[in-house]
N, C-alpha and C. Protein backbone atom coordinates (compact mmCIF):
# COMPACT_ATOMS: atom_id res chain seq x y z
N MET A 1 -5.09 7.61 -27.14
CA MET A 1 -4.40 7.87 -26.04
C MET A 1 -3.40 6.32 -25.67
N PRO A 2 -2.12 6.93 -25.40
CA PRO A 2 -1.50 5.67 -24.45
C PRO A 2 -1.86 4.78 -23.60
N ARG A 3 -1.29 4.22 -23.66
CA ARG A 3 -1.57 2.94 -22.18
C ARG A 3 -1.24 3.18 -21.22
N LEU A 4 -1.88 2.91 -19.99
CA LEU A 4 -1.06 3.39 -19.00
C LEU A 4 -0.97 2.13 -17.97
N VAL A 5 0.18 1.99 -17.31
CA VAL A 5 0.59 0.75 -16.04
C VAL A 5 0.62 0.87 -15.15
N LEU A 6 0.16 0.82 -13.73
CA LEU A 6 0.45 1.52 -12.87
C LEU A 6 1.45 -0.32 -12.66
N ALA A 7 3.03 0.35 -12.18
CA ALA A 7 3.75 -0.52 -11.91
C ALA A 7 4.03 -0.87 -10.45
N SER A 8 2.58 -1.20 -9.69
CA SER A 8 2.53 -1.24 -8.17
C SER A 8 1.21 -2.23 -7.79
N THR A 9 1.37 -3.02 -6.60
CA THR A 9 0.07 -3.64 -6.50
C THR A 9 -0.35 -3.30 -5.36
N SER A 10 0.27 -2.19 -5.21
CA SER A 10 -0.38 -1.20 -3.96
C SER A 10 -1.64 -1.06 -3.81
N ARG A 11 -2.63 -1.03 -2.92
CA ARG A 11 -4.07 -0.90 -3.01
C ARG A 11 -4.30 0.80 -3.12
N TYR A 12 -3.53 1.19 -2.08
CA TYR A 12 -3.36 3.20 -1.90
C TYR A 12 -3.20 3.58 -3.19
N ARG A 13 -1.90 2.96 -3.59
CA ARG A 13 -1.73 3.64 -5.05
C ARG A 13 -2.74 3.84 -6.30
N ARG A 14 -3.37 2.33 -5.94
CA ARG A 14 -4.42 2.04 -6.88
C ARG A 14 -5.66 2.66 -6.95
N GLU A 15 -5.74 3.29 -5.71
CA GLU A 15 -7.46 3.76 -5.34
C GLU A 15 -7.22 5.27 -5.70
N LEU A 16 -5.64 5.86 -5.49
CA LEU A 16 -5.40 7.21 -5.83
C LEU A 16 -5.14 7.35 -7.22
N LEU A 17 -4.81 6.64 -7.96
CA LEU A 17 -4.72 6.69 -9.64
C LEU A 17 -6.02 6.47 -10.07
N GLU A 18 -6.79 5.40 -9.60
CA GLU A 18 -8.05 5.72 -9.83
C GLU A 18 -9.07 7.03 -9.97
N ARG A 19 -8.45 7.91 -9.05
CA ARG A 19 -8.95 9.10 -9.04
C ARG A 19 -9.31 10.17 -10.48
N LEU A 20 -8.18 9.84 -10.99
CA LEU A 20 -7.76 10.33 -12.34
C LEU A 20 -9.06 10.12 -13.69
N ARG A 21 -9.82 8.91 -13.27
CA ARG A 21 -10.70 8.25 -14.69
C ARG A 21 -10.14 8.11 -15.62
N LEU A 22 -8.91 7.72 -15.41
CA LEU A 22 -8.54 7.23 -16.74
C LEU A 22 -8.02 5.57 -16.65
N PRO A 23 -8.43 5.01 -17.96
CA PRO A 23 -8.13 3.45 -17.41
C PRO A 23 -6.60 2.96 -17.63
N PHE A 24 -6.60 1.90 -16.87
CA PHE A 24 -5.07 1.75 -16.68
C PHE A 24 -5.15 0.39 -16.01
N ASP A 25 -3.83 -0.76 -16.18
CA ASP A 25 -3.60 -2.23 -16.02
C ASP A 25 -2.84 -1.74 -14.85
N VAL A 26 -2.31 -3.10 -13.94
CA VAL A 26 -1.85 -2.96 -12.70
C VAL A 26 -0.93 -4.46 -13.20
N ALA A 27 0.44 -3.87 -12.68
CA ALA A 27 1.69 -5.14 -13.22
C ALA A 27 2.66 -5.18 -11.89
N ARG A 28 2.99 -6.09 -11.28
CA ARG A 28 4.04 -6.23 -9.93
C ARG A 28 5.51 -5.80 -11.02
N PRO A 29 5.80 -5.18 -10.40
CA PRO A 29 7.46 -4.86 -10.76
C PRO A 29 8.15 -5.78 -9.97
N ASP A 30 9.32 -6.65 -10.89
CA ASP A 30 10.20 -7.57 -9.46
C ASP A 30 11.42 -6.50 -9.52
N VAL A 31 11.74 -6.12 -8.48
CA VAL A 31 12.30 -5.33 -8.23
C VAL A 31 13.10 -5.46 -6.65
N ASP A 32 14.14 -5.78 -6.95
CA ASP A 32 14.95 -5.86 -5.13
C ASP A 32 15.17 -4.58 -4.78
N GLU A 33 14.28 -4.27 -3.49
CA GLU A 33 14.24 -3.20 -2.78
C GLU A 33 15.32 -2.77 -1.62
N THR A 34 16.32 -3.73 -1.76
CA THR A 34 17.24 -3.46 -0.54
C THR A 34 17.97 -2.22 -0.88
N ALA A 35 18.26 -1.56 0.24
CA ALA A 35 18.72 -0.39 -0.24
C ALA A 35 20.21 -0.49 -0.56
N LEU A 36 21.25 0.40 -0.85
CA LEU A 36 22.57 0.11 -1.43
C LEU A 36 23.45 0.78 -0.51
N PRO A 37 24.74 0.10 0.18
CA PRO A 37 25.42 0.45 1.11
C PRO A 37 25.50 2.25 1.11
N GLY A 38 25.23 3.27 1.98
CA GLY A 38 25.29 4.29 1.86
C GLY A 38 24.36 5.14 1.39
N GLU A 39 23.18 4.62 0.71
CA GLU A 39 21.97 5.36 -0.08
C GLU A 39 21.35 5.78 1.12
N SER A 40 21.17 7.20 0.51
CA SER A 40 20.29 8.00 1.57
C SER A 40 18.85 7.46 0.96
N PRO A 41 17.68 7.73 2.15
CA PRO A 41 16.38 7.88 2.07
C PRO A 41 15.82 8.18 0.59
N ARG A 42 16.40 9.44 0.48
CA ARG A 42 15.83 10.35 -0.44
C ARG A 42 16.19 9.27 -2.07
N ASP A 43 17.58 9.02 -2.01
CA ASP A 43 18.01 8.22 -3.17
C ASP A 43 17.29 6.84 -3.55
N LEU A 44 17.04 6.04 -2.37
CA LEU A 44 16.74 5.25 -2.44
C LEU A 44 15.67 5.00 -3.44
N ALA A 45 14.63 5.98 -2.65
CA ALA A 45 12.98 6.26 -3.08
C ALA A 45 12.90 6.41 -4.70
N ILE A 46 14.15 7.54 -5.07
CA ILE A 46 14.03 7.81 -6.56
C ILE A 46 14.65 6.32 -7.35
N ARG A 47 15.31 5.73 -7.06
CA ARG A 47 16.05 4.85 -7.29
C ARG A 47 14.92 3.55 -7.87
N LEU A 48 14.01 3.64 -6.61
CA LEU A 48 13.20 2.18 -6.81
C LEU A 48 11.96 2.62 -7.94
N ALA A 49 11.62 3.92 -7.64
CA ALA A 49 10.49 4.38 -8.45
C ALA A 49 10.83 3.92 -9.86
N GLU A 50 11.75 4.41 -10.59
CA GLU A 50 12.46 4.38 -11.50
C GLU A 50 12.82 2.91 -12.06
N ALA A 51 13.28 2.19 -10.84
CA ALA A 51 13.43 0.58 -11.30
C ALA A 51 12.27 0.24 -11.65
N LYS A 52 11.08 0.59 -10.76
CA LYS A 52 10.02 -0.16 -10.93
C LYS A 52 9.09 0.32 -12.21
N ALA A 53 9.16 1.23 -12.43
CA ALA A 53 8.75 1.61 -13.75
C ALA A 53 9.55 1.38 -14.93
N ARG A 54 10.41 0.84 -15.10
CA ARG A 54 11.44 0.89 -16.19
C ARG A 54 11.27 -1.01 -16.44
N ALA A 55 11.00 -1.59 -15.00
CA ALA A 55 10.88 -2.97 -15.33
C ALA A 55 9.66 -3.11 -15.78
N VAL A 56 8.65 -2.90 -15.46
CA VAL A 56 7.07 -2.86 -16.00
C VAL A 56 7.31 -2.57 -17.48
N ALA A 57 8.11 -1.72 -17.91
CA ALA A 57 7.98 -0.87 -19.20
C ALA A 57 8.36 -1.64 -19.99
N SER A 58 9.76 -2.06 -19.79
CA SER A 58 10.01 -3.03 -20.97
C SER A 58 9.60 -4.66 -20.83
N GLN A 59 8.39 -4.50 -20.20
CA GLN A 59 7.65 -5.76 -20.46
C GLN A 59 6.76 -5.43 -21.53
N GLN A 60 6.01 -4.49 -21.74
CA GLN A 60 4.96 -3.82 -22.60
C GLN A 60 5.43 -3.67 -24.16
N ILE A 61 4.13 -3.53 -24.80
CA ILE A 61 4.32 -3.11 -26.38
C ILE A 61 3.42 -2.11 -26.70
N ASN A 62 3.54 -1.71 -28.02
CA ASN A 62 3.13 -0.26 -28.40
C ASN A 62 2.93 0.53 -27.60
N ASP A 63 2.46 1.62 -27.37
CA ASP A 63 2.59 3.31 -26.84
C ASP A 63 1.78 3.07 -25.23
N SER A 64 3.08 2.43 -24.52
CA SER A 64 2.69 1.87 -23.33
C SER A 64 3.36 2.79 -22.01
N TRP A 65 3.05 3.23 -21.13
CA TRP A 65 3.54 4.06 -20.08
C TRP A 65 3.19 3.16 -18.84
N ALA A 66 4.71 3.46 -18.10
CA ALA A 66 4.83 2.56 -16.75
C ALA A 66 4.80 3.59 -15.86
N LEU A 67 4.11 3.72 -14.35
CA LEU A 67 3.72 4.50 -13.76
C LEU A 67 4.58 3.86 -12.25
N GLY A 68 5.83 3.94 -12.02
CA GLY A 68 6.78 3.35 -10.56
C GLY A 68 6.34 4.46 -9.63
N SER A 69 6.41 4.52 -8.23
CA SER A 69 6.31 4.73 -6.99
C SER A 69 6.98 4.19 -5.99
N ASP A 70 7.74 4.98 -5.16
CA ASP A 70 8.34 4.44 -4.04
C ASP A 70 8.40 5.65 -2.81
N GLN A 71 8.15 4.86 -1.80
CA GLN A 71 8.18 6.32 -0.47
C GLN A 71 9.29 5.19 0.32
N VAL A 72 9.84 6.09 1.33
CA VAL A 72 10.80 5.94 2.20
C VAL A 72 10.82 6.89 3.24
N ALA A 73 10.47 6.48 4.04
CA ALA A 73 10.64 7.19 5.65
C ALA A 73 11.87 7.47 6.14
N GLU A 74 11.80 8.56 6.40
CA GLU A 74 13.57 8.86 7.13
C GLU A 74 13.28 9.50 8.34
N VAL A 75 14.16 8.76 9.64
CA VAL A 75 14.00 9.60 10.98
C VAL A 75 15.77 9.80 11.04
N GLU A 76 15.68 11.04 11.12
CA GLU A 76 17.37 11.60 11.83
C GLU A 76 18.42 10.38 10.93
N GLY A 77 17.75 10.56 9.50
CA GLY A 77 18.90 9.74 8.51
C GLY A 77 19.33 8.65 8.30
N HIS A 78 17.96 7.75 9.00
CA HIS A 78 17.60 6.79 8.97
C HIS A 78 16.69 6.15 8.19
N SER A 79 16.36 5.05 7.05
CA SER A 79 15.17 4.55 6.57
C SER A 79 14.21 4.04 7.52
N LEU A 80 12.94 3.92 7.43
CA LEU A 80 12.09 2.74 8.04
C LEU A 80 11.22 2.39 6.91
N GLY A 81 11.19 1.25 7.12
CA GLY A 81 10.12 0.41 5.71
C GLY A 81 8.75 0.18 6.37
N LYS A 82 8.17 -0.84 5.98
CA LYS A 82 7.10 -1.14 6.31
C LYS A 82 7.34 -1.93 7.34
N PRO A 83 6.74 -2.32 8.31
CA PRO A 83 6.85 -2.78 9.79
C PRO A 83 6.80 -4.46 9.55
N GLY A 84 5.52 -4.97 8.67
CA GLY A 84 5.07 -6.59 8.54
C GLY A 84 4.36 -6.73 9.62
N GLY A 85 4.35 -5.99 11.03
CA GLY A 85 3.58 -7.03 11.90
C GLY A 85 3.50 -5.83 13.15
N CYS A 86 3.30 -6.61 14.26
CA CYS A 86 2.50 -5.61 15.42
C CYS A 86 4.08 -5.30 15.93
N GLY A 87 4.66 -5.89 16.50
CA GLY A 87 6.02 -5.83 17.37
C GLY A 87 6.98 -4.44 16.48
N ALA A 88 6.85 -4.79 15.50
CA ALA A 88 7.73 -3.65 14.38
C ALA A 88 7.27 -2.51 14.27
N ALA A 89 5.58 -2.68 14.32
CA ALA A 89 5.17 -1.26 13.86
C ALA A 89 5.29 -0.58 15.55
N ILE A 90 5.06 -1.22 16.46
CA ILE A 90 4.99 -0.38 17.44
C ILE A 90 6.39 0.52 18.04
N ALA A 91 7.35 -0.35 17.53
CA ALA A 91 9.06 -0.05 17.81
C ALA A 91 9.01 1.42 16.88
N GLN A 92 8.57 1.22 15.77
CA GLN A 92 8.59 2.12 14.82
C GLN A 92 7.69 3.77 15.31
N LEU A 93 6.61 3.48 15.69
CA LEU A 93 5.98 4.24 16.53
C LEU A 93 6.83 5.26 17.26
N ARG A 94 7.27 4.36 17.92
CA ARG A 94 8.01 4.50 19.52
C ARG A 94 9.36 5.63 18.92
N ALA A 95 9.75 4.95 17.94
CA ALA A 95 10.90 5.73 17.53
C ALA A 95 10.69 6.87 16.95
N MET A 96 9.36 7.34 16.37
CA MET A 96 8.86 8.28 15.46
C MET A 96 8.25 9.59 16.74
N SER A 97 7.53 9.14 18.02
CA SER A 97 7.30 10.07 18.70
C SER A 97 7.62 11.18 19.43
N GLY A 98 7.30 12.26 19.25
CA GLY A 98 8.01 13.62 19.13
C GLY A 98 8.86 13.84 18.17
N ARG A 99 8.83 13.19 17.11
CA ARG A 99 9.95 13.69 16.11
C ARG A 99 9.17 14.17 14.68
N VAL A 100 10.16 14.40 14.26
CA VAL A 100 9.97 15.20 12.85
C VAL A 100 10.16 13.78 11.75
N VAL A 101 9.22 13.23 10.97
CA VAL A 101 9.43 12.23 10.32
C VAL A 101 9.83 12.51 8.77
N ARG A 102 10.60 12.41 7.78
CA ARG A 102 10.40 12.92 6.84
C ARG A 102 10.33 11.83 5.52
N PHE A 103 9.20 11.95 4.83
CA PHE A 103 8.71 10.92 3.72
C PHE A 103 8.81 11.48 2.16
N HIS A 104 9.77 10.63 1.42
CA HIS A 104 10.25 10.96 0.47
C HIS A 104 9.23 9.95 -0.33
N THR A 105 8.71 10.80 -1.35
CA THR A 105 7.63 9.79 -1.85
C THR A 105 8.25 10.26 -3.68
N ALA A 106 8.81 9.35 -4.25
CA ALA A 106 9.28 9.41 -5.54
C ALA A 106 8.53 8.68 -6.80
N LEU A 107 8.02 9.48 -7.75
CA LEU A 107 7.75 8.83 -8.83
C LEU A 107 8.33 8.71 -10.19
N CYS A 108 8.06 7.89 -11.10
CA CYS A 108 8.61 7.75 -12.31
C CYS A 108 7.69 7.18 -13.31
N LEU A 109 7.24 7.79 -14.54
CA LEU A 109 6.89 7.04 -15.40
C LEU A 109 7.81 7.00 -16.79
N ALA A 110 7.83 5.77 -17.22
CA ALA A 110 8.89 5.20 -18.13
C ALA A 110 8.03 4.54 -19.15
N HIS A 111 8.88 4.79 -20.67
CA HIS A 111 7.89 4.20 -21.85
C HIS A 111 9.07 2.97 -22.06
N ALA A 112 8.71 2.01 -22.86
CA ALA A 112 9.49 0.88 -23.27
C ALA A 112 10.69 1.40 -24.05
N ASP A 113 10.74 3.14 -24.85
CA ASP A 113 11.41 3.31 -25.77
C ASP A 113 12.48 3.88 -25.02
N GLY A 114 12.41 4.01 -23.86
CA GLY A 114 13.74 4.74 -22.89
C GLY A 114 12.93 5.85 -22.63
N ARG A 115 12.36 6.66 -22.50
CA ARG A 115 11.83 7.91 -22.27
C ARG A 115 11.72 7.88 -21.13
N SER A 116 11.47 8.95 -20.18
CA SER A 116 10.93 8.64 -18.81
C SER A 116 10.80 10.17 -18.45
N PHE A 117 9.68 10.41 -17.43
CA PHE A 117 9.49 11.77 -16.63
C PHE A 117 9.80 11.18 -15.32
N ALA A 118 10.11 12.06 -14.29
CA ALA A 118 10.49 11.89 -12.71
C ALA A 118 10.10 13.13 -11.79
N GLY A 119 9.41 12.62 -10.94
CA GLY A 119 9.21 13.67 -10.01
C GLY A 119 9.27 13.13 -8.15
N ILE A 120 9.72 14.30 -7.41
CA ILE A 120 9.92 13.40 -5.68
C ILE A 120 9.07 14.50 -5.05
N ASP A 121 8.07 14.10 -3.75
CA ASP A 121 7.76 14.72 -2.92
C ASP A 121 8.49 14.33 -1.94
N LEU A 122 8.35 15.64 -0.87
CA LEU A 122 8.77 15.64 0.58
C LEU A 122 7.56 15.67 1.43
N THR A 123 7.37 15.08 2.09
CA THR A 123 6.51 15.48 3.43
C THR A 123 6.97 15.18 5.09
N GLU A 124 6.96 16.15 5.33
CA GLU A 124 7.36 16.03 6.99
C GLU A 124 6.35 16.13 7.71
N VAL A 125 6.74 15.05 8.55
CA VAL A 125 5.25 14.90 9.85
C VAL A 125 5.70 14.93 11.08
N HIS A 126 4.82 15.61 11.69
CA HIS A 126 5.46 16.34 13.22
C HIS A 126 4.58 15.08 14.11
N PHE A 127 5.46 14.48 14.59
CA PHE A 127 4.39 13.52 15.69
C PHE A 127 4.38 14.33 17.17
N ARG A 128 3.14 13.73 17.69
CA ARG A 128 2.84 14.19 19.14
C ARG A 128 4.21 13.28 19.63
N VAL A 129 4.10 13.39 21.10
CA VAL A 129 4.64 12.64 22.21
C VAL A 129 3.59 11.66 22.03
N LEU A 130 3.90 10.35 21.89
CA LEU A 130 2.93 9.44 22.11
C LEU A 130 2.82 8.39 23.21
N THR A 131 2.21 8.28 24.13
CA THR A 131 2.33 6.93 24.96
C THR A 131 1.99 5.60 24.44
N ASP A 132 2.77 4.56 25.23
CA ASP A 132 2.61 3.70 25.05
C ASP A 132 1.33 2.88 24.69
N ASP A 133 0.42 3.16 26.09
CA ASP A 133 -1.19 2.89 25.34
C ASP A 133 -1.28 3.87 23.90
N GLU A 134 -1.32 4.81 23.57
CA GLU A 134 -1.63 5.44 22.58
C GLU A 134 -1.25 4.71 21.49
N ILE A 135 -0.05 4.55 21.45
CA ILE A 135 0.76 3.53 20.22
C ILE A 135 0.04 1.97 19.88
N GLU A 136 0.11 1.40 21.02
CA GLU A 136 -0.72 0.06 21.16
C GLU A 136 -2.44 0.21 20.81
N ARG A 137 -3.09 1.15 21.17
CA ARG A 137 -4.28 1.64 20.82
C ARG A 137 -4.21 1.47 19.41
N TYR A 138 -3.65 2.78 18.79
CA TYR A 138 -3.84 2.65 17.11
C TYR A 138 -3.41 1.35 16.63
N VAL A 139 -2.10 0.95 16.76
CA VAL A 139 -1.72 -0.37 16.33
C VAL A 139 -2.97 -1.49 15.88
N ASP A 140 -3.48 -1.65 17.23
CA ASP A 140 -4.56 -2.64 17.52
C ASP A 140 -5.59 -2.12 16.39
N ALA A 141 -6.07 -1.03 16.58
CA ALA A 141 -7.14 -0.60 15.69
C ALA A 141 -7.25 -0.71 14.23
N GLU A 142 -5.50 -0.10 13.72
CA GLU A 142 -5.76 0.47 12.48
C GLU A 142 -4.63 -1.24 11.76
N GLN A 143 -3.94 -1.77 12.62
CA GLN A 143 -2.84 -2.44 11.88
C GLN A 143 -2.34 -1.91 10.91
N PRO A 144 -1.40 -1.15 10.30
CA PRO A 144 -0.88 -0.22 9.56
C PRO A 144 0.72 -1.22 9.19
N PHE A 145 0.43 -2.61 8.96
CA PHE A 145 1.63 -3.47 8.97
C PHE A 145 2.37 -3.49 7.07
N ASP A 146 1.78 -2.52 6.44
CA ASP A 146 1.72 -2.73 5.12
C ASP A 146 2.03 -1.06 4.60
N CYS A 147 2.61 -0.23 5.82
CA CYS A 147 2.58 1.30 5.68
C CYS A 147 3.90 1.68 5.92
N ALA A 148 4.46 2.17 5.10
CA ALA A 148 6.06 2.61 5.48
C ALA A 148 5.22 4.09 6.49
N GLY A 149 6.30 3.62 8.07
CA GLY A 149 6.14 4.34 9.18
C GLY A 149 4.96 4.14 9.88
N SER A 150 4.61 2.90 9.80
CA SER A 150 3.51 2.25 10.70
C SER A 150 2.18 2.94 10.80
N PHE A 151 1.84 3.93 9.62
CA PHE A 151 0.18 4.51 10.03
C PHE A 151 -0.15 4.81 8.61
N LYS A 152 -1.45 5.26 8.66
CA LYS A 152 -2.18 5.40 7.80
C LYS A 152 -2.70 6.88 7.88
N SER A 153 -2.37 7.69 7.46
CA SER A 153 -2.80 9.09 7.71
C SER A 153 -3.72 9.51 7.30
N GLU A 154 -4.52 8.90 6.28
CA GLU A 154 -5.95 8.98 5.54
C GLU A 154 -7.24 8.50 6.65
N GLY A 155 -6.08 8.00 7.47
CA GLY A 155 -7.45 6.73 8.85
C GLY A 155 -7.06 7.72 9.71
N LEU A 156 -7.02 6.67 11.25
CA LEU A 156 -6.88 6.99 12.20
C LEU A 156 -5.52 7.49 12.60
N GLY A 157 -4.34 7.10 11.94
CA GLY A 157 -2.88 7.88 12.07
C GLY A 157 -3.03 9.14 11.89
N ILE A 158 -3.86 10.05 11.71
CA ILE A 158 -4.07 11.36 11.57
C ILE A 158 -3.78 12.12 13.04
N SER A 159 -4.36 11.46 13.92
CA SER A 159 -4.68 11.31 15.80
C SER A 159 -3.17 11.64 15.66
N LEU A 160 -1.96 10.72 15.40
CA LEU A 160 -0.68 10.65 15.97
C LEU A 160 0.11 11.99 15.87
N PHE A 161 -0.52 13.07 14.76
CA PHE A 161 0.50 13.64 14.40
C PHE A 161 0.03 15.55 15.13
N GLU A 162 1.50 16.29 15.36
CA GLU A 162 0.73 17.90 15.17
C GLU A 162 0.61 18.56 13.64
N ARG A 163 1.08 18.00 13.18
CA ARG A 163 0.94 18.90 11.72
C ARG A 163 1.88 18.27 10.94
N ILE A 164 1.13 18.41 9.42
CA ILE A 164 2.18 17.58 8.48
C ILE A 164 2.58 18.85 7.44
N ASP A 165 3.37 18.97 6.73
CA ASP A 165 4.67 20.15 5.93
C ASP A 165 4.53 19.43 5.05
N ASN A 166 3.44 19.53 3.57
CA ASN A 166 3.59 19.03 2.24
C ASN A 166 3.01 19.96 1.05
N ARG A 167 3.45 19.65 0.10
CA ARG A 167 2.93 19.95 -1.12
C ARG A 167 1.97 19.77 -1.77
N ASP A 168 1.52 18.43 -1.80
CA ASP A 168 0.72 17.12 -1.96
C ASP A 168 -0.05 16.35 -0.82
N PRO A 169 -0.93 16.47 -0.42
CA PRO A 169 -1.41 15.14 0.66
C PRO A 169 -1.15 14.21 0.21
N THR A 170 -1.44 14.01 -1.06
CA THR A 170 -1.95 12.67 -1.55
C THR A 170 -0.39 11.65 -1.03
N ALA A 171 0.54 12.43 -1.55
CA ALA A 171 1.80 12.18 -1.17
C ALA A 171 2.23 10.89 0.09
N LEU A 172 1.62 11.48 0.89
CA LEU A 172 2.09 10.71 2.06
C LEU A 172 1.36 9.38 2.04
N ILE A 173 0.30 9.41 1.04
CA ILE A 173 -0.65 7.70 0.90
C ILE A 173 0.01 7.06 0.31
N GLY A 174 0.93 7.18 -0.73
CA GLY A 174 1.85 6.68 -1.26
C GLY A 174 2.25 7.10 -2.61
N LEU A 175 0.94 8.24 -3.08
CA LEU A 175 1.34 8.71 -4.97
C LEU A 175 1.25 10.05 -5.25
N PRO A 176 1.92 10.85 -5.00
CA PRO A 176 1.76 12.09 -5.08
C PRO A 176 1.26 12.66 -6.41
N MET A 177 -0.54 12.75 -6.16
CA MET A 177 -1.26 13.08 -7.34
C MET A 177 -0.99 14.16 -8.07
N ILE A 178 -0.19 15.24 -7.64
CA ILE A 178 -0.26 16.56 -8.25
C ILE A 178 0.77 16.34 -9.33
N ALA A 179 2.22 15.79 -8.73
CA ALA A 179 2.95 15.45 -9.61
C ALA A 179 2.93 14.61 -10.55
N THR A 180 1.70 13.19 -10.14
CA THR A 180 1.71 12.22 -11.02
C THR A 180 1.12 12.84 -12.41
N CYS A 181 0.08 13.92 -12.44
CA CYS A 181 -0.78 14.39 -12.97
C CYS A 181 0.39 15.19 -13.91
N GLU A 182 0.86 16.14 -13.55
CA GLU A 182 1.98 16.42 -14.49
C GLU A 182 3.06 15.18 -15.66
N LEU A 183 3.35 14.30 -14.85
CA LEU A 183 3.87 13.79 -15.80
C LEU A 183 3.17 13.03 -16.42
N LEU A 184 1.89 12.63 -16.26
CA LEU A 184 0.96 12.15 -17.30
C LEU A 184 0.69 13.26 -18.36
N ARG A 185 0.57 14.39 -18.08
CA ARG A 185 0.13 15.30 -19.33
C ARG A 185 1.34 15.56 -20.02
N LYS A 186 2.49 15.11 -19.53
CA LYS A 186 4.05 15.56 -20.39
C LYS A 186 3.64 14.00 -21.33
N ALA A 187 3.64 13.26 -20.93
CA ALA A 187 3.60 12.15 -21.62
C ALA A 187 2.46 11.92 -22.63
N GLY A 188 1.22 12.65 -22.75
CA GLY A 188 0.40 13.09 -23.43
C GLY A 188 -1.03 12.11 -23.06
N PHE A 189 -1.25 11.92 -22.05
CA PHE A 189 -2.60 11.89 -21.43
C PHE A 189 -3.62 12.87 -21.27
N PRO A 190 -4.67 12.57 -21.84
CA PRO A 190 -5.42 14.16 -21.05
C PRO A 190 -6.26 13.97 -19.70
N LEU A 191 -6.07 15.05 -19.40
CA LEU A 191 -6.20 15.47 -18.31
C LEU A 191 -6.97 16.97 -18.08
N PRO A 192 -7.65 17.10 -17.15
CA PRO A 192 -8.66 18.35 -17.28
C PRO A 192 -7.85 19.46 -16.80
C-alpha cells in the first residue's frame, strides 16, 4: 500500500482522515496563503489545496502521496479567512447574519512523481438573522478562532443556521470525505 501524508496540521482534517483507518503521517506545508489579485474564493481554495499537496509531496520518497486541502468562505464574492481572535469572529458572524455563505473546500492528492488527483466541494450555509447577544454568546462559548467563517458546524455553530446545502457534510468541517475516498481509491489505497 502506498504511504499517505496529510499536508495539514489542522486537527479537524486529521480527525476526519482518521475515520478511514488508514495509516498516515502529518506534515506542515510551507505555502503562502495570500490570495492573488483578482483571485476568486473558489480559485484560491483550489490553488492552495494543490500547492499544499505538492509542497509536501516534493519532500517525500518512495511511493508516497500527500493530501492537501483548503477551505475558503465567500460572502457576496468576498473571501473570509480564519478570524484569529474574538473581535474578528464577531465581525465575521455579523457580516454573515441573514445571508448565504458559500464554502469552497478543495482537495488535492499529489505524488512526488507529479501525478495528482483533485476535487472541490461547495457548501452553502444559510445563516439565521443573528442578534449581537447570540453572536457574542456563541463566540464566547465555542471560540471558533481557527475556523474559516468563525463557527464549528460540528458543534454549537449548528444553532446559527437555517439550513445547509451540500453534497458532503464533512466538507464544512474542512475535508470532504466522499471526495477524499474517491481520490484515495484512484491512487490505489484500499477502502471498503
